């Protein structure tokens, strides 16, 4: 999961809404000094990819 080895806590999810508990200190979107895999967006992408690969 990039540099952050923690999964994001998804509190609620349906077709239109995703409610998450963003870990403290994790940026939501990358800036010019941060790689995407170190942000909430990158963690969610990685977490979703791993979930889909495992068939869950």
PDB file of N, CA and C in Angstrom:
ATOM      1  N   UNK A   1       0.821  -1.208   0.000  1.00  0.00           N
ATOM      2  CA  UNK A   1       0.000   0.000   0.000  1.00  0.00           C
ATOM      3  C   UNK A   1       0.851   1.252   0.000  1.00  0.00           C
ATOM      4  N   UNK A   2       1.813   1.314  -0.828  1.00  0.00           N
ATOM      5  CA  UNK A   2       2.646   2.503  -0.858  1.00  0.00           C
ATOM      6  C   UNK A   2       3.412   2.645   0.437  1.00  0.00           C
ATOM      7  N   UNK A   3       3.641   3.889   0.868  1.00  0.00           N
ATOM      8  CA  UNK A   3       4.357   4.136   2.104  1.00  0.00           C
ATOM      9  C   UNK A   3       3.464   4.033   3.329  1.00  0.00           C
ATOM     10  N   UNK A   4       2.175   3.980   3.132  1.00  0.00           N
ATOM     11  CA  UNK A   4       1.245   3.879   4.245  1.00  0.00           C
ATOM     12  C   UNK A   4       0.711   2.460   4.286  1.00  0.00           C
ATOM     13  N   UNK A   5       1.127   1.723   5.290  1.00  0.00           N
ATOM     14  CA  UNK A   5       0.725   0.321   5.405  1.00  0.00           C
ATOM     15  C   UNK A   5      -0.542   0.197   6.235  1.00  0.00           C
ATOM     16  N   UNK A   6      -1.479   1.080   6.037  1.00  0.00           N
ATOM     17  CA  UNK A   6      -2.739   0.994   6.761  1.00  0.00           C
ATOM     18  C   UNK A   6      -3.893   1.077   5.793  1.00  0.00           C
ATOM     19  N   UNK A   7      -4.911   0.327   6.099  1.00  0.00           N
ATOM     20  CA  UNK A   7      -6.116   0.371   5.286  1.00  0.00           C
ATOM     21  C   UNK A   7      -6.987   1.523   5.775  1.00  0.00           C
ATOM     22  N   UNK A   8      -7.731   2.096   4.858  1.00  0.00           N
ATOM     23  CA  UNK A   8      -8.658   3.170   5.195  1.00  0.00           C
ATOM     24  C   UNK A   8      -9.951   2.530   5.685  1.00  0.00           C
ATOM     25  N   UNK A   9     -10.461   3.033   6.792  1.00  0.00           N
ATOM     26  CA  UNK A   9     -11.707   2.532   7.362  1.00  0.00           C
ATOM     27  C   UNK A   9     -12.883   3.090   6.567  1.00  0.00           C
ATOM     28  N   UNK A  10     -13.554   2.230   5.807  1.00  0.00           N
ATOM     29  CA  UNK A  10     -14.736   2.638   5.055  1.00  0.00           C
ATOM     30  C   UNK A  10     -15.943   2.429   5.951  1.00  0.00           C
ATOM     31  N   UNK A  11     -16.545   3.540   6.384  1.00  0.00           N
ATOM     32  CA  UNK A  11     -17.662   3.505   7.314  1.00  0.00           C
ATOM     33  C   UNK A  11     -18.959   3.126   6.621  1.00  0.00           C
ATOM     34  N   UNK A  12     -19.168   3.651   5.424  1.00  0.00           N
ATOM     35  CA  UNK A  12     -20.389   3.378   4.665  1.00  0.00           C
ATOM     36  C   UNK A  12     -20.066   3.477   3.186  1.00  0.00           C
ATOM     37  N   UNK A  13     -20.700   2.603   2.400  1.00  0.00           N
ATOM     38  CA  UNK A  13     -20.476   2.634   0.960  1.00  0.00           C
ATOM     39  C   UNK A  13     -21.716   2.126   0.243  1.00  0.00           C
ATOM     40  N   UNK A  14     -22.146   2.864  -0.786  1.00  0.00           N
ATOM     41  CA  UNK A  14     -23.170   2.385  -1.709  1.00  0.00           C
ATOM     42  C   UNK A  14     -22.772   2.852  -3.106  1.00  0.00           C
ATOM     43  N   UNK A  15     -23.669   2.788  -4.052  1.00  0.00           N
ATOM     44  CA  UNK A  15     -23.323   3.155  -5.432  1.00  0.00           C
ATOM     45  C   UNK A  15     -22.935   4.619  -5.597  1.00  0.00           C
ATOM     46  N   UNK A  16     -23.442   5.498  -4.717  1.00  0.00           N
ATOM     47  CA  UNK A  16     -23.243   6.935  -4.891  1.00  0.00           C
ATOM     48  C   UNK A  16     -22.432   7.605  -3.788  1.00  0.00           C
ATOM     49  N   UNK A  17     -22.265   6.937  -2.655  1.00  0.00           N
ATOM     50  CA  UNK A  17     -21.648   7.574  -1.488  1.00  0.00           C
ATOM     51  C   UNK A  17     -20.555   6.685  -0.919  1.00  0.00           C
ATOM     52  N   UNK A  18     -19.440   7.321  -0.531  1.00  0.00           N
ATOM     53  CA  UNK A  18     -18.370   6.636   0.164  1.00  0.00           C
ATOM     54  C   UNK A  18     -18.006   7.483   1.377  1.00  0.00           C
ATOM     55  N   UNK A  19     -18.215   6.941   2.578  1.00  0.00           N
ATOM     56  CA  UNK A  19     -17.880   7.636   3.820  1.00  0.00           C
ATOM     57  C   UNK A  19     -16.686   6.921   4.424  1.00  0.00           C
ATOM     58  N   UNK A  20     -15.615   7.671   4.658  1.00  0.00           N
ATOM     59  CA  UNK A  20     -14.387   7.070   5.172  1.00  0.00           C
ATOM     60  C   UNK A  20     -13.896   7.814   6.407  1.00  0.00           C
ATOM     61  N   UNK A  21     -13.044   7.138   7.158  1.00  0.00           N
ATOM     62  CA  UNK A  21     -12.353   7.751   8.280  1.00  0.00           C
ATOM     63  C   UNK A  21     -10.917   7.966   7.819  1.00  0.00           C
ATOM     64  N   UNK A  22     -10.594   9.188   7.416  1.00  0.00           N
ATOM     65  CA  UNK A  22      -9.272   9.517   6.900  1.00  0.00           C
ATOM     66  C   UNK A  22      -8.248   9.476   8.030  1.00  0.00           C
ATOM     67  N   UNK A  23      -7.191   8.651   7.907  1.00  0.00           N
ATOM     68  CA  UNK A  23      -6.151   8.627   8.929  1.00  0.00           C
ATOM     69  C   UNK A  23      -5.508  10.004   9.102  1.00  0.00           C
ATOM     70  N   UNK A  24      -5.204  10.358  10.322  1.00  0.00           N
ATOM     71  CA  UNK A  24      -4.590  11.648  10.634  1.00  0.00           C
ATOM     72  C   UNK A  24      -3.276  11.822   9.889  1.00  0.00           C
ATOM     73  N   UNK A  25      -3.099  12.980   9.296  1.00  0.00           N
ATOM     74  CA  UNK A  25      -1.858  13.305   8.621  1.00  0.00           C
ATOM     75  C   UNK A  25      -1.752  12.845   7.178  1.00  0.00           C
ATOM     76  N   UNK A  26      -2.779  12.183   6.665  1.00  0.00           N
ATOM     77  CA  UNK A  26      -2.751  11.710   5.283  1.00  0.00           C
ATOM     78  C   UNK A  26      -3.449  12.726   4.394  1.00  0.00           C
ATOM     79  N   UNK A  27      -2.734  13.224   3.387  1.00  0.00           N
ATOM     80  CA  UNK A  27      -3.328  14.164   2.445  1.00  0.00           C
ATOM     81  C   UNK A  27      -4.401  13.474   1.618  1.00  0.00           C
ATOM     82  N   UNK A  28      -5.388  14.234   1.169  1.00  0.00           N
ATOM     83  CA  UNK A  28      -6.468  13.667   0.364  1.00  0.00           C
ATOM     84  C   UNK A  28      -6.039  13.534  -1.092  1.00  0.00           C
ATOM     85  N   UNK A  29      -5.418  14.559  -1.638  1.00  0.00           N
ATOM     86  CA  UNK A  29      -4.942  14.525  -3.022  1.00  0.00           C
ATOM     87  C   UNK A  29      -3.460  14.906  -3.034  1.00  0.00           C
ATOM     88  N   UNK A  30      -2.711  14.424  -4.028  1.00  0.00           N
ATOM     89  CA  UNK A  30      -1.283  14.737  -4.059  1.00  0.00           C
ATOM     90  C   UNK A  30      -1.018  16.197  -4.427  1.00  0.00           C
ATOM     91  N   UNK A  31       0.079  16.717  -3.913  1.00  0.00           N
ATOM     92  CA  UNK A  31       0.544  18.036  -4.334  1.00  0.00           C
ATOM     93  C   UNK A  31       1.887  17.843  -5.038  1.00  0.00           C
ATOM     94  N   UNK A  32       2.585  18.922  -5.312  1.00  0.00           N
ATOM     95  CA  UNK A  32       3.835  18.816  -6.061  1.00  0.00           C
ATOM     96  C   UNK A  32       4.952  18.143  -5.257  1.00  0.00           C
ATOM     97  N   UNK A  33       4.771  17.970  -3.932  1.00  0.00           N
ATOM     98  CA  UNK A  33       5.800  17.367  -3.092  1.00  0.00           C
ATOM     99  C   UNK A  33       5.430  15.958  -2.623  1.00  0.00           C
ATOM    100  N   UNK A  34       4.275  15.464  -3.018  1.00  0.00           N
ATOM    101  CA  UNK A  34       3.766  14.194  -2.498  1.00  0.00           C
ATOM    102  C   UNK A  34       3.387  13.271  -3.644  1.00  0.00           C
ATOM    103  N   UNK A  35       3.808  12.034  -3.560  1.00  0.00           N
ATOM    104  CA  UNK A  35       3.409  11.032  -4.549  1.00  0.00           C
ATOM    105  C   UNK A  35       1.978  10.581  -4.261  1.00  0.00           C
ATOM    106  N   UNK A  36       1.261  10.183  -5.319  1.00  0.00           N
ATOM    107  CA  UNK A  36      -0.137   9.793  -5.157  1.00  0.00           C
ATOM    108  C   UNK A  36      -0.299   8.629  -4.186  1.00  0.00           C
ATOM    109  N   UNK A  37       0.627   7.664  -4.189  1.00  0.00           N
ATOM    110  CA  UNK A  37       0.466   6.511  -3.313  1.00  0.00           C
ATOM    111  C   UNK A  37       0.605   6.867  -1.830  1.00  0.00           C
ATOM    112  N   UNK A  38       1.003   8.099  -1.515  1.00  0.00           N
ATOM    113  CA  UNK A  38       1.109   8.559  -0.139  1.00  0.00           C
ATOM    114  C   UNK A  38      -0.113   9.378   0.278  1.00  0.00           C
ATOM    115  N   UNK A  39      -1.140   9.395  -0.545  1.00  0.00           N
ATOM    116  CA  UNK A  39      -2.338  10.175  -0.264  1.00  0.00           C
ATOM    117  C   UNK A  39      -3.541   9.259  -0.085  1.00  0.00           C
ATOM    118  N   UNK A  40      -4.614   9.826   0.411  1.00  0.00           N
ATOM    119  CA  UNK A  40      -5.842   9.069   0.606  1.00  0.00           C
ATOM    120  C   UNK A  40      -6.332   8.465  -0.703  1.00  0.00           C
ATOM    121  N   UNK A  41      -6.259   9.224  -1.784  1.00  0.00           N
ATOM    122  CA  UNK A  41      -6.685   8.728  -3.091  1.00  0.00           C
ATOM    123  C   UNK A  41      -5.863   7.502  -3.485  1.00  0.00           C
ATOM    124  N   UNK A  42      -4.564   7.573  -3.330  1.00  0.00           N
ATOM    125  CA  UNK A  42      -3.700   6.450  -3.666  1.00  0.00           C
ATOM    126  C   UNK A  42      -3.953   5.235  -2.791  1.00  0.00           C
ATOM    127  N   UNK A  43      -4.153   5.448  -1.492  1.00  0.00           N
ATOM    128  CA  UNK A  43      -4.435   4.342  -0.579  1.00  0.00           C
ATOM    129  C   UNK A  43      -5.747   3.676  -0.954  1.00  0.00           C
ATOM    130  N   UNK A  44      -6.765   4.469  -1.253  1.00  0.00           N
ATOM    131  CA  UNK A  44      -8.057   3.900  -1.646  1.00  0.00           C
ATOM    132  C   UNK A  44      -7.956   3.125  -2.952  1.00  0.00           C
ATOM    133  N   UNK A  45      -7.222   3.668  -3.923  1.00  0.00           N
ATOM    134  CA  UNK A  45      -7.028   2.957  -5.190  1.00  0.00           C
ATOM    135  C   UNK A  45      -6.360   1.614  -4.941  1.00  0.00           C
ATOM    136  N   UNK A  46      -5.311   1.617  -4.141  1.00  0.00           N
ATOM    137  CA  UNK A  46      -4.572   0.403  -3.851  1.00  0.00           C
ATOM    138  C   UNK A  46      -5.436  -0.593  -3.075  1.00  0.00           C
ATOM    139  N   UNK A  47      -6.162  -0.102  -2.086  1.00  0.00           N
ATOM    140  CA  UNK A  47      -7.039  -0.953  -1.276  1.00  0.00           C
ATOM    141  C   UNK A  47      -8.132  -1.575  -2.145  1.00  0.00           C
ATOM    142  N   UNK A  48      -8.705  -0.795  -3.051  1.00  0.00           N
ATOM    143  CA  UNK A  48      -9.756  -1.290  -3.934  1.00  0.00           C
ATOM    144  C   UNK A  48      -9.190  -2.332  -4.900  1.00  0.00           C
ATOM    145  N   UNK A  49      -7.991  -2.076  -5.421  1.00  0.00           N
ATOM    146  CA  UNK A  49      -7.341  -3.013  -6.341  1.00  0.00           C
ATOM    147  C   UNK A  49      -7.108  -4.355  -5.648  1.00  0.00           C
ATOM    148  N   UNK A  50      -6.601  -4.325  -4.413  1.00  0.00           N
ATOM    149  CA  UNK A  50      -6.336  -5.558  -3.672  1.00  0.00           C
ATOM    150  C   UNK A  50      -7.643  -6.284  -3.334  1.00  0.00           C
ATOM    151  N   UNK A  51      -8.685  -5.535  -3.022  1.00  0.00           N
ATOM    152  CA  UNK A  51      -9.983  -6.137  -2.702  1.00  0.00           C
ATOM    153  C   UNK A  51     -10.552  -6.834  -3.932  1.00  0.00           C
ATOM    154  N   UNK A  52     -10.470  -6.189  -5.091  1.00  0.00           N
ATOM    155  CA  UNK A  52     -10.979  -6.771  -6.333  1.00  0.00           C
ATOM    156  C   UNK A  52     -10.177  -8.002  -6.748  1.00  0.00           C
ATOM    157  N   UNK A  53      -8.888  -7.995  -6.516  1.00  0.00           N
ATOM    158  CA  UNK A  53      -8.034  -9.109  -6.876  1.00  0.00           C
ATOM    159  C   UNK A  53      -8.311 -10.337  -6.002  1.00  0.00           C
ATOM    160  N   UNK A  54      -8.696 -10.097  -4.739  1.00  0.00           N
ATOM    161  CA  UNK A  54      -8.951 -11.209  -3.834  1.00  0.00           C
ATOM    162  C   UNK A  54     -10.354 -11.761  -3.986  1.00  0.00           C
ATOM    163  N   UNK A  55     -11.185 -11.057  -4.766  1.00  0.00           N
ATOM    164  CA  UNK A  55     -12.555 -11.524  -5.010  1.00  0.00           C
ATOM    165  C   UNK A  55     -13.527 -11.178  -3.925  1.00  0.00           C
ATOM    166  N   UNK A  56     -13.146 -10.293  -3.009  1.00  0.00           N
ATOM    167  CA  UNK A  56     -14.048  -9.889  -1.923  1.00  0.00           C
ATOM    168  C   UNK A  56     -15.051  -8.878  -2.384  1.00  0.00           C
TER     169      UNK A  56
END
